[in-house]
C-alpha cells in the first residue's frame, strides 16, 4: 500500500486529489496547512507528500525542509503557479522530487506520481544490488554453500562489529586466515591497518621486539628505535597466526597488552597505549597445550572470547564442485587460457578424496591439472594425478623400506614428523634434532625442486 499526503489550503483541490488518487493500492490523506501536515508526518509513515508551494504561515518548501530532517526518505511533489516556477526549481535543489504547475489535470498529477514511485523502485533495486555486491565482496574468498561455510559466515556477521578477540581453530589449509580477513573487512576497523604475523616464523629471541618494538641500544644491533606490530596496527586488527607457538615467557606480556591496552618497548619503561583488535589462529588442540603447560590458561580464556572452528574439507565435500569451479576460473585468468571444463566422473572422484591438505591442497592440485592439461580443454583425472599424491602420502606416512637414496629417506622422515606434529615446525625440528631454520631451508629446497607435497606457506 502506497501512502500519500496531500497538503493544500484550497479545500477543493485537496478533496479532488484525494478522491481521484485513492485506490485499492493507494491510501490518501489530506491536510489544510503545513503545521497540520507536520503533525501527520510525525504520526504516520508516508511515501509521498504532494504540497502547495504558497500557503499561509509556513510555505510548502519550509514544511518540506522541516519534514526531511525527521525523515530523509520522504518524497515531495510541489504544486506551484507559473509565477513561482523559479522558487519550485529551488525546491528541487533542496530535496523535492518534482513540481507541477497550476492548472494541472489529474492525468498530469498521476504521471508525476507514477514517475516518483518508479524512481523509488529503481532506488530500492539499486540498493538491493549494491547490498548483494557488498555481501559478495565481504565473503569473496570464502567459497562454498555448505552448512559449515554458512555457519562461519553467520559467526563472522555476529562478531565482526565488536572488538571481541576471536580464536580461529582448524587444520592446516582450511582457510583460517581468510576467516580472519573477512572479520576485519566487516568490522568498523576495516579502513584501519590489518597485519598478520606467523608466530612460528619469528625467532624466539626476536618475538618481543617484533610485537612490542624496541628502543635504540636495547640490545646488540638495535641501532635505531623500532615500532612493534601492535603500534604499527594501532586502531586496526592484528592476526597472530599459530599463537600456540608463542614461547611461554612471552605469553604473560601478551596477556598484559590484551588486558590493559598498554605495552613497553624493549629497553623502555614508558607505557604506550594501543587500541588493537586481536585475532588468533591455531591448527593444534589448544586445550591440550594448556593442560600440558605449554600455553597459559588465562591467556587462552582471554583470546577465546569468540571461538570459530573451521571444518576440514572432508567434512563438507558438497563445497568441492564450487571450489573447483572457482579455482578453475582463477587459474584460467592467471595463465590467460581458453575456457576449460572437468570431465565427467572427475567431480565424483575428487569429492570422495580425503584431502589431508584441505582447500590449499585442492587449489594446488587444480593448478597442477591446469598446467598438465596444456592446450586440452577437458581436465581428466590423469591431469590431477591424485595417484602420485596418494603414493607420496602413503610412502611418506609409512616409511616403506624399499631401496632409496639417503636424501629421499630424509625427505620422508621430515614429512612423517611434520604430519605427526600437525605441521608444527618447532616441535618437528626438536624431535629430529635439527634447528627450525634448517627445517625451513629443507622445505624451501623441496618446494624449489618442484615437490608439491612440500609447498611452503609461512602463513598457515
Protein backbone atom coordinates (compact mmCIF):
# COMPACT_ATOMS: atom_id res chain seq x y z
CA UNK A 1 0.00 0.00 0.00
CA UNK A 2 1.36 3.41 -1.03
CA UNK A 3 0.66 6.26 1.42
CA UNK A 4 0.25 9.83 0.11
CA UNK A 5 -0.42 13.05 2.00
CA UNK A 6 -1.97 16.00 0.08
CA UNK A 7 -1.35 19.43 1.65
CA UNK A 8 -3.18 22.46 0.25
CA UNK A 9 -5.07 25.40 1.76
CA UNK A 10 -7.55 25.16 -1.13
CA UNK A 11 -10.25 22.79 0.12
CA UNK A 12 -11.49 21.87 -3.35
CA UNK A 13 -8.02 20.90 -4.63
CA UNK A 14 -7.15 18.65 -1.71
CA UNK A 15 -10.52 16.85 -1.82
CA UNK A 16 -10.43 16.43 -5.61
CA UNK A 17 -6.94 14.94 -5.39
CA UNK A 18 -7.95 12.63 -2.55
CA UNK A 19 -10.96 11.32 -4.46
CA UNK A 20 -9.03 10.93 -7.74
CA UNK A 21 -5.90 9.28 -6.36
CA UNK A 22 -7.43 6.97 -3.73
CA UNK A 23 -7.49 3.31 -4.80
CA UNK A 24 -7.03 -0.25 -3.54
CA UNK A 25 -3.26 0.25 -3.63
CA UNK A 26 -3.03 3.95 -2.70
CA UNK A 27 -4.09 5.47 0.62
CA UNK A 28 -4.55 9.28 0.50
CA UNK A 29 -4.82 11.63 3.48
CA UNK A 30 -5.20 15.41 3.45
CA UNK A 31 -4.03 18.42 5.48
CA UNK A 32 -5.15 22.06 5.20
CA UNK A 33 -1.79 23.67 6.05
CA UNK A 34 1.87 22.94 6.76
CA UNK A 35 1.50 22.84 10.55
CA UNK A 36 -1.17 20.10 10.39
CA UNK A 37 0.94 18.33 7.76
CA UNK A 38 3.99 18.23 10.07
CA UNK A 39 1.84 16.71 12.84
CA UNK A 40 0.57 14.00 10.49
CA UNK A 41 4.07 13.27 9.16
CA UNK A 42 5.31 12.73 12.71
CA UNK A 43 2.50 10.28 13.45
CA UNK A 44 2.33 8.35 10.15
CA UNK A 45 4.60 6.72 7.57
CA UNK A 46 4.05 8.44 4.24
CA UNK A 47 5.82 7.65 0.98
CA UNK A 48 4.95 10.87 -0.85
CA UNK A 49 3.82 14.39 0.11
CA UNK A 50 2.02 16.48 -2.53
CA UNK A 51 2.04 20.05 -1.28
CA UNK A 52 1.12 23.50 -2.49
CA UNK A 53 4.08 25.88 -2.55
CA UNK A 54 2.42 29.05 -1.27
CA UNK A 55 0.32 28.62 1.88
CA UNK A 56 -0.40 30.90 4.85
CA UNK A 57 2.15 30.68 7.65
CA UNK A 58 4.69 28.05 6.63
CA UNK A 59 5.34 27.55 2.92
CA UNK A 60 5.45 24.13 1.29
CA UNK A 61 9.23 24.34 0.90
CA UNK A 62 9.74 25.28 4.57
CA UNK A 63 7.50 22.40 5.58
CA UNK A 64 9.48 20.05 3.31
CA UNK A 65 12.82 21.09 4.81
CA UNK A 66 11.48 20.54 8.32
CA UNK A 67 9.96 17.14 7.45
CA UNK A 68 13.10 15.89 5.70
CA UNK A 69 15.10 16.48 8.89
CA UNK A 70 12.80 13.96 10.57
CA UNK A 71 12.52 11.52 7.67
CA UNK A 72 15.01 11.88 4.82
CA UNK A 73 13.28 9.19 2.73
CA UNK A 74 10.09 11.20 2.15
CA UNK A 75 9.25 12.21 -1.42
CA UNK A 76 7.84 15.64 -2.27
CA UNK A 77 5.94 16.94 -5.31
CA UNK A 78 5.43 20.71 -5.21
CA UNK A 79 2.31 22.36 -6.70
CA UNK A 80 3.16 25.82 -7.97
CA UNK A 81 1.74 28.64 -10.05
CA UNK A 82 3.54 29.86 -13.19
CA UNK A 83 4.87 32.91 -11.38
CA UNK A 84 6.72 30.83 -8.79
CA UNK A 85 8.46 28.29 -11.05
CA UNK A 86 11.89 29.63 -10.07
CA UNK A 87 11.04 29.01 -6.43
CA UNK A 88 9.92 25.49 -7.31
CA UNK A 89 13.25 24.85 -9.05
CA UNK A 90 14.98 25.92 -5.85
CA UNK A 91 12.79 23.38 -4.05
CA UNK A 92 14.20 20.65 -6.27
CA UNK A 93 17.68 21.60 -5.11
CA UNK A 94 16.53 21.31 -1.50
CA UNK A 95 15.13 17.80 -1.91
CA UNK A 96 11.84 17.84 -3.81
CA UNK A 97 11.36 15.12 -6.41
CA UNK A 98 9.37 17.17 -8.91
CA UNK A 99 6.92 20.05 -9.30
CA UNK A 100 3.65 20.50 -11.22
CA UNK A 101 2.28 23.86 -12.35
CA UNK A 102 -1.27 25.09 -11.96
CA UNK A 103 -3.62 24.49 -13.59
CA UNK A 104 -3.00 20.75 -13.91
CA UNK A 105 -5.09 17.75 -14.86
CA UNK A 106 -5.49 14.58 -12.83
CA UNK A 107 -3.64 12.70 -15.59
CA UNK A 108 -0.69 15.07 -15.23
CA UNK A 109 -0.59 14.54 -11.47
CA UNK A 110 -0.87 10.77 -11.87
CA UNK A 111 2.03 10.87 -14.33
CA UNK A 112 4.22 12.73 -11.82
CA UNK A 113 3.23 10.28 -9.06
CA UNK A 114 3.97 7.25 -11.26
CA UNK A 115 7.43 8.63 -12.09
CA UNK A 116 8.13 9.10 -8.39
CA UNK A 117 7.26 5.51 -7.46
CA UNK A 118 9.14 4.14 -10.48
CA UNK A 119 12.16 6.11 -9.32
CA UNK A 120 11.74 4.77 -5.79
CA UNK A 121 11.55 1.24 -7.16
CA UNK A 122 14.80 1.76 -9.08
CA UNK A 123 16.44 3.16 -5.95
CA UNK A 124 15.39 0.11 -3.93
CA UNK A 125 16.57 -2.23 -6.68
CA UNK A 126 19.89 -0.41 -6.86
CA UNK A 127 20.20 -0.55 -3.08
CA UNK A 128 19.49 -4.28 -3.14
CA UNK A 129 22.06 -4.88 -5.88
CA UNK A 130 24.66 -2.85 -4.01
CA UNK A 131 23.99 -4.86 -0.86
CA UNK A 132 24.28 -8.10 -2.83
CA UNK A 133 27.58 -6.96 -4.35
CA UNK A 134 28.79 -5.81 -0.94
CA UNK A 135 27.88 -9.16 0.64
CA UNK A 136 29.64 -11.00 -2.17
CA UNK A 137 32.73 -8.83 -1.73
CA UNK A 138 32.67 -9.35 2.03
CA UNK A 139 32.94 -13.09 1.59
CA UNK A 140 34.61 -13.11 -1.83
CA UNK A 141 37.30 -15.55 -0.67
CA UNK A 142 35.05 -17.74 1.49
CA UNK A 143 33.81 -20.13 -1.18
CA UNK A 144 31.07 -22.67 -0.52
CA UNK A 145 27.38 -23.07 0.31
CA UNK A 146 27.59 -25.93 2.83
CA UNK A 147 26.18 -25.68 6.34
CA UNK A 148 29.74 -25.35 7.65
CA UNK A 149 30.52 -22.36 5.42
CA UNK A 150 27.17 -20.70 6.13
CA UNK A 151 27.78 -21.17 9.86
CA UNK A 152 31.15 -19.44 9.57
CA UNK A 153 29.62 -16.52 7.63
CA UNK A 154 26.97 -16.19 10.33
CA UNK A 155 29.62 -16.18 13.06
CA UNK A 156 31.57 -13.50 11.19
CA UNK A 157 28.42 -11.34 11.00
CA UNK A 158 27.83 -11.81 14.72
CA UNK A 159 31.33 -10.90 15.90
CA UNK A 160 32.74 -8.54 13.25
CA UNK A 161 31.31 -5.26 14.57
CA UNK A 162 32.52 -5.95 18.11
CA UNK A 163 36.07 -5.73 19.45
CA UNK A 164 35.92 -9.21 20.98
CA UNK A 165 39.07 -11.33 20.48
CA UNK A 166 38.44 -14.20 18.07
CA UNK A 167 40.18 -17.58 18.23
CA UNK A 168 40.05 -19.49 14.94
CA UNK A 169 40.93 -23.18 15.03
CA UNK A 170 41.24 -25.65 12.19
CA UNK A 171 43.61 -27.91 10.34
CA UNK A 172 46.34 -26.51 8.13
CA UNK A 173 44.95 -25.40 4.78
CA UNK A 174 41.33 -24.93 5.85
CA UNK A 175 41.32 -21.14 5.36
CA UNK A 176 41.72 -19.71 8.85
CA UNK A 177 43.44 -16.60 7.50
CA UNK A 178 40.56 -15.96 5.11
CA UNK A 179 38.11 -16.02 8.02
CA UNK A 180 40.29 -13.53 9.90
CA UNK A 181 40.45 -11.24 6.87
CA UNK A 182 36.67 -11.37 6.46
CA UNK A 183 36.19 -10.40 10.12
CA UNK A 184 38.43 -7.35 9.64
CA UNK A 185 36.74 -6.32 6.37
CA UNK A 186 33.31 -6.46 8.02
CA UNK A 187 34.39 -4.59 11.15
CA UNK A 188 34.34 -0.88 11.96
CA UNK A 189 38.15 -1.07 11.72
CA UNK A 190 38.07 -2.04 8.04
CA UNK A 191 39.69 1.25 6.96
CA UNK A 192 42.47 0.80 9.51
CA UNK A 193 45.60 -1.40 9.19
CA UNK A 194 45.35 -5.19 9.07
CA UNK A 195 48.59 -7.04 9.78
CA UNK A 196 49.18 -10.78 10.07
CA UNK A 197 52.20 -12.49 11.54
CA UNK A 198 53.03 -16.18 11.82
CA UNK A 199 54.26 -16.69 15.38
CA UNK A 200 56.12 -19.89 14.43
CA UNK A 201 58.19 -17.94 11.90
CA UNK A 202 59.59 -15.45 14.44
CA UNK A 203 62.85 -16.45 16.17
CA UNK A 204 62.24 -16.75 19.92
CA UNK A 205 64.82 -14.08 20.74
CA UNK A 206 63.10 -11.54 18.46
CA UNK A 207 59.43 -12.12 19.19
CA UNK A 208 59.14 -9.46 21.92
CA UNK A 209 60.81 -6.83 19.75
CA UNK A 210 58.67 -7.85 16.76
CA UNK A 211 55.42 -7.47 18.68
CA UNK A 212 56.19 -4.59 21.05
CA UNK A 213 59.14 -2.79 19.46
CA UNK A 214 62.46 -1.71 20.99
CA UNK A 215 64.47 1.40 21.79
CA UNK A 216 67.82 2.26 20.27
CA UNK A 217 70.57 0.35 22.09
CA UNK A 218 68.14 -2.01 23.82
CA UNK A 219 70.25 -4.95 22.64
CA UNK A 220 73.06 -5.75 20.23
CA UNK A 221 72.28 -4.50 16.70
CA UNK A 222 69.43 -2.31 17.95
CA UNK A 223 70.83 0.70 16.10
CA UNK A 224 67.59 2.65 15.99
CA UNK A 225 64.17 2.84 17.61
CA UNK A 226 61.71 0.31 16.23
CA UNK A 227 57.92 0.22 16.48
CA UNK A 228 56.42 -3.21 17.05
CA UNK A 229 53.42 -4.68 15.27
CA UNK A 230 50.99 -3.57 17.99
CA UNK A 231 51.97 0.06 17.42
CA UNK A 232 52.00 -0.32 13.63
CA UNK A 233 48.47 -1.72 13.60
CA UNK A 234 47.10 0.67 16.25
CA UNK A 235 43.39 1.21 15.57
CA UNK A 236 43.23 -1.85 13.32
CA UNK A 237 43.40 -5.63 13.52
CA UNK A 238 46.36 -7.91 14.28
CA UNK A 239 46.26 -11.58 13.31
CA UNK A 240 48.57 -13.75 15.41
CA UNK A 241 48.76 -16.87 13.29
CA UNK A 242 49.73 -20.08 15.13
CA UNK A 243 49.55 -18.40 18.53
CA UNK A 244 50.33 -21.73 20.21
CA UNK A 245 53.94 -21.33 19.02
CA UNK A 246 54.45 -18.27 21.23
CA UNK A 247 57.05 -19.01 23.97
CA UNK A 248 55.57 -19.28 27.45
CA UNK A 249 57.90 -16.48 28.58
CA UNK A 250 56.17 -14.11 26.15
CA UNK A 251 52.63 -15.11 26.94
CA UNK A 252 52.42 -13.08 30.18
CA UNK A 253 53.49 -9.92 28.35
CA UNK A 254 50.97 -10.55 25.61
CA UNK A 255 48.24 -11.06 28.21
CA UNK A 256 49.08 -7.68 29.78
CA UNK A 257 48.72 -5.87 26.45
CA UNK A 258 45.37 -7.54 25.81
CA UNK A 259 44.04 -6.75 29.28
CA UNK A 260 45.39 -3.23 29.81
CA UNK A 261 45.87 -1.96 26.27
CA UNK A 262 49.39 -0.76 27.07
CA UNK A 263 52.88 -2.00 26.20
CA UNK A 264 56.53 -1.24 26.83
CA UNK A 265 59.09 -1.35 24.09
CA UNK A 266 62.14 -3.46 24.84
CA UNK A 267 64.60 -1.20 26.69
CA UNK A 268 61.97 1.30 27.85
CA UNK A 269 59.80 1.73 30.93
CA UNK A 270 57.46 4.16 29.18
CA UNK A 271 53.93 2.81 28.73
CA UNK A 272 52.42 3.20 25.26
CA UNK A 273 48.66 2.95 24.86
CA UNK A 274 47.38 0.89 21.93
CA UNK A 275 43.93 0.01 20.60
CA UNK A 276 44.20 -3.25 18.67
CA UNK A 277 41.64 -5.92 17.82
CA UNK A 278 43.42 -9.29 18.13
CA UNK A 279 42.52 -12.41 16.16
CA UNK A 280 44.44 -15.63 16.75
CA UNK A 281 44.63 -18.97 14.95
CA UNK A 282 45.97 -22.42 15.69
CA UNK A 283 45.95 -25.82 13.99
CA UNK A 284 46.72 -27.53 17.27
CA UNK A 285 44.43 -28.70 20.06
CA UNK A 286 44.92 -25.63 22.23
CA UNK A 287 43.16 -27.11 25.26
CA UNK A 288 45.69 -29.93 25.20
CA UNK A 289 48.50 -27.37 25.07
CA UNK A 290 47.03 -25.68 28.15
CA UNK A 291 46.84 -29.00 30.01
CA UNK A 292 50.43 -29.79 29.02
CA UNK A 293 51.62 -26.46 30.41
CA UNK A 294 52.68 -25.11 27.02
CA UNK A 295 50.05 -22.36 26.92
CA UNK A 296 48.80 -20.15 29.73
CA UNK A 297 45.21 -20.86 30.68
CA UNK A 298 44.45 -17.20 31.48
CA UNK A 299 45.74 -16.13 28.06
CA UNK A 300 43.70 -18.85 26.39
CA UNK A 301 40.49 -17.59 28.02
CA UNK A 302 41.40 -14.00 27.13
CA UNK A 303 41.85 -14.93 23.47
CA UNK A 304 39.00 -17.43 23.23
CA UNK A 305 36.15 -14.95 23.79
CA UNK A 306 34.61 -15.86 20.43
CA UNK A 307 35.81 -19.23 19.06
CA UNK A 308 35.36 -20.18 15.41
CA UNK A 309 36.04 -23.72 14.24
CA UNK A 310 36.90 -24.14 10.56
CA UNK A 311 35.94 -27.61 9.42
CA UNK A 312 38.29 -29.73 7.27
CA UNK A 313 37.32 -30.05 3.62
CA UNK A 314 36.46 -33.75 4.01
CA UNK A 315 33.60 -32.69 6.32
CA UNK A 316 31.91 -30.55 3.66
CA UNK A 317 32.55 -32.28 0.30
CA UNK A 318 29.49 -30.57 -1.21
CA UNK A 319 31.65 -27.44 -1.49
CA UNK A 320 34.27 -29.18 -3.64
CA UNK A 321 32.47 -28.59 -7.01
CA UNK A 322 32.09 -24.87 -6.18
CA UNK A 323 35.72 -24.61 -5.11
CA UNK A 324 36.89 -26.39 -8.24
CA UNK A 325 34.94 -24.01 -10.46
CA UNK A 326 36.30 -21.03 -8.55
CA UNK A 327 39.92 -22.19 -8.80
CA UNK A 328 39.48 -23.13 -12.46
CA UNK A 329 38.27 -19.61 -13.37
CA UNK A 330 41.03 -18.08 -11.26
CA UNK A 331 43.74 -20.15 -12.97
CA UNK A 332 42.34 -19.52 -16.45
CA UNK A 333 42.70 -15.79 -15.78
CA UNK A 334 46.12 -16.23 -14.23
CA UNK A 335 47.54 -18.17 -17.20
CA UNK A 336 45.32 -16.46 -19.83
CA UNK A 337 43.90 -19.77 -21.03
CA UNK A 338 40.81 -20.65 -23.04
CA UNK A 339 37.88 -21.98 -21.07
CA UNK A 340 38.43 -25.43 -19.63
CA UNK A 341 35.98 -27.87 -18.10
CA UNK A 342 36.03 -31.00 -15.97
CA UNK A 343 35.42 -34.43 -17.50
CA UNK A 344 32.50 -36.49 -16.23
CA UNK A 345 33.49 -38.51 -13.19
CA UNK A 346 36.12 -36.04 -12.02
CA UNK A 347 33.80 -34.38 -9.50
CA UNK A 348 32.84 -37.75 -8.03
CA UNK A 349 36.45 -38.85 -7.62
CA UNK A 350 37.58 -35.56 -6.14
CA UNK A 351 34.59 -35.38 -3.80
CA UNK A 352 35.45 -38.82 -2.41
CA UNK A 353 39.12 -37.99 -1.84
CA UNK A 354 40.22 -37.46 1.77
CA UNK A 355 42.04 -34.12 1.21
CA UNK A 356 44.59 -34.21 4.04
CA UNK A 357 45.86 -30.82 2.86
CA UNK A 358 42.34 -29.37 2.76
CA UNK A 359 41.45 -26.44 0.49
CA UNK A 360 45.08 -25.48 -0.04
CA UNK A 361 45.81 -28.97 -1.40
CA UNK A 362 42.74 -28.80 -3.64
CA UNK A 363 43.88 -25.48 -5.11
CA UNK A 364 47.41 -26.80 -5.66
CA UNK A 365 46.11 -29.90 -7.43
CA UNK A 366 43.82 -27.83 -9.62
CA UNK A 367 46.79 -25.69 -10.66
CA UNK A 368 48.78 -28.86 -11.39
CA UNK A 369 45.90 -30.20 -13.51
CA UNK A 370 45.58 -26.95 -15.47
CA UNK A 371 49.31 -26.93 -16.20
CA UNK A 372 49.36 -30.61 -17.17
CA UNK A 373 46.39 -30.13 -19.50
CA UNK A 374 48.24 -27.65 -21.71
CA UNK A 375 46.02 -26.84 -24.72
CA UNK A 376 43.45 -29.52 -23.86
CA UNK A 377 40.03 -28.15 -22.94
CA UNK A 378 38.86 -31.05 -20.79
CA UNK A 379 40.52 -31.87 -17.45
CA UNK A 380 40.59 -35.59 -16.61
CA UNK A 381 41.75 -37.45 -13.50
CA UNK A 382 45.08 -38.07 -15.28
CA UNK A 383 45.73 -34.35 -15.15
CA UNK A 384 45.07 -34.24 -11.43
CA UNK A 385 47.50 -37.12 -10.84
CA UNK A 386 45.96 -37.99 -7.48
CA UNK A 387 47.70 -41.35 -7.58
CA UNK A 388 51.07 -39.61 -7.40
CA UNK A 389 49.88 -37.51 -4.49
CA UNK A 390 48.42 -40.54 -2.77
CA UNK A 391 51.55 -42.64 -3.28
CA UNK A 392 53.63 -39.87 -1.81
CA UNK A 393 51.36 -39.59 1.19
CA UNK A 394 51.34 -43.32 1.79
CA UNK A 395 55.05 -43.83 1.33
CA UNK A 396 55.95 -40.81 3.44
CA UNK A 397 53.48 -41.86 6.09
CA UNK A 398 54.64 -45.47 6.33
CA UNK A 399 58.35 -45.02 5.53
CA UNK A 400 58.43 -48.24 3.48
CA UNK A 401 61.80 -49.93 3.28
CA UNK A 402 62.32 -50.13 -0.46
CA UNK A 403 65.84 -49.10 -1.51
CA UNK A 404 66.22 -45.33 -1.92
CA UNK A 405 68.73 -42.52 -1.66
CA UNK A 406 69.51 -41.03 1.75
CA UNK A 407 68.12 -37.67 0.58
CA UNK A 408 64.79 -39.34 -0.23
CA UNK A 409 64.77 -41.08 3.15
CA UNK A 410 65.43 -37.72 4.83
CA UNK A 411 62.52 -36.20 2.93
CA UNK A 412 60.19 -38.99 4.08
CA UNK A 413 61.35 -38.57 7.68
CA UNK A 414 60.63 -34.83 7.56
CA UNK A 415 57.18 -35.41 6.10
CA UNK A 416 56.31 -38.09 8.67
CA UNK A 417 57.45 -35.90 11.56
CA UNK A 418 55.56 -32.84 10.32
CA UNK A 419 52.42 -34.93 9.86
CA UNK A 420 52.67 -36.35 13.39
CA UNK A 421 53.08 -32.84 14.85
CA UNK A 422 50.28 -31.26 12.83
CA UNK A 423 52.79 -29.18 10.83
CA UNK A 424 54.33 -27.72 13.99
CA UNK A 425 57.84 -26.97 12.72
CA UNK A 426 59.32 -26.13 16.12
CA UNK A 427 58.17 -29.44 17.60
CA UNK A 428 59.17 -31.37 14.48
CA UNK A 429 62.65 -29.83 14.50
CA UNK A 430 63.09 -30.76 18.18
CA UNK A 431 62.07 -34.36 17.51
CA UNK A 432 64.51 -34.66 14.59
CA UNK A 433 67.32 -32.91 16.46
CA UNK A 434 67.72 -30.06 13.96
CA UNK A 435 67.09 -26.32 14.12
CA UNK A 436 63.88 -24.74 12.87
CA UNK A 437 65.99 -22.77 10.42
CA UNK A 438 67.47 -25.97 8.97
CA UNK A 439 64.00 -27.48 8.63
CA UNK A 440 62.70 -24.34 6.94
CA UNK A 441 65.61 -24.40 4.48
CA UNK A 442 64.91 -28.06 3.66
CA UNK A 443 61.23 -27.29 2.98
CA UNK A 444 62.12 -24.36 0.74
CA UNK A 445 64.51 -26.58 -1.18
CA UNK A 446 61.85 -29.26 -1.68
CA UNK A 447 59.44 -26.62 -2.95
CA UNK A 448 62.11 -25.24 -5.25
CA UNK A 449 62.67 -28.77 -6.57
CA UNK A 450 59.00 -28.89 -7.53
CA UNK A 451 57.73 -31.40 -4.95
CA UNK A 452 54.05 -30.37 -4.38
CA UNK A 453 53.93 -32.28 -1.10
CA UNK A 454 56.22 -29.69 0.45
CA UNK A 455 54.62 -26.45 -0.75
CA UNK A 456 55.82 -23.90 1.76
CA UNK A 457 53.33 -21.41 3.12
CA UNK A 458 54.63 -19.35 6.00
CA UNK A 459 51.12 -18.10 6.76
CA UNK A 460 49.14 -21.13 7.76
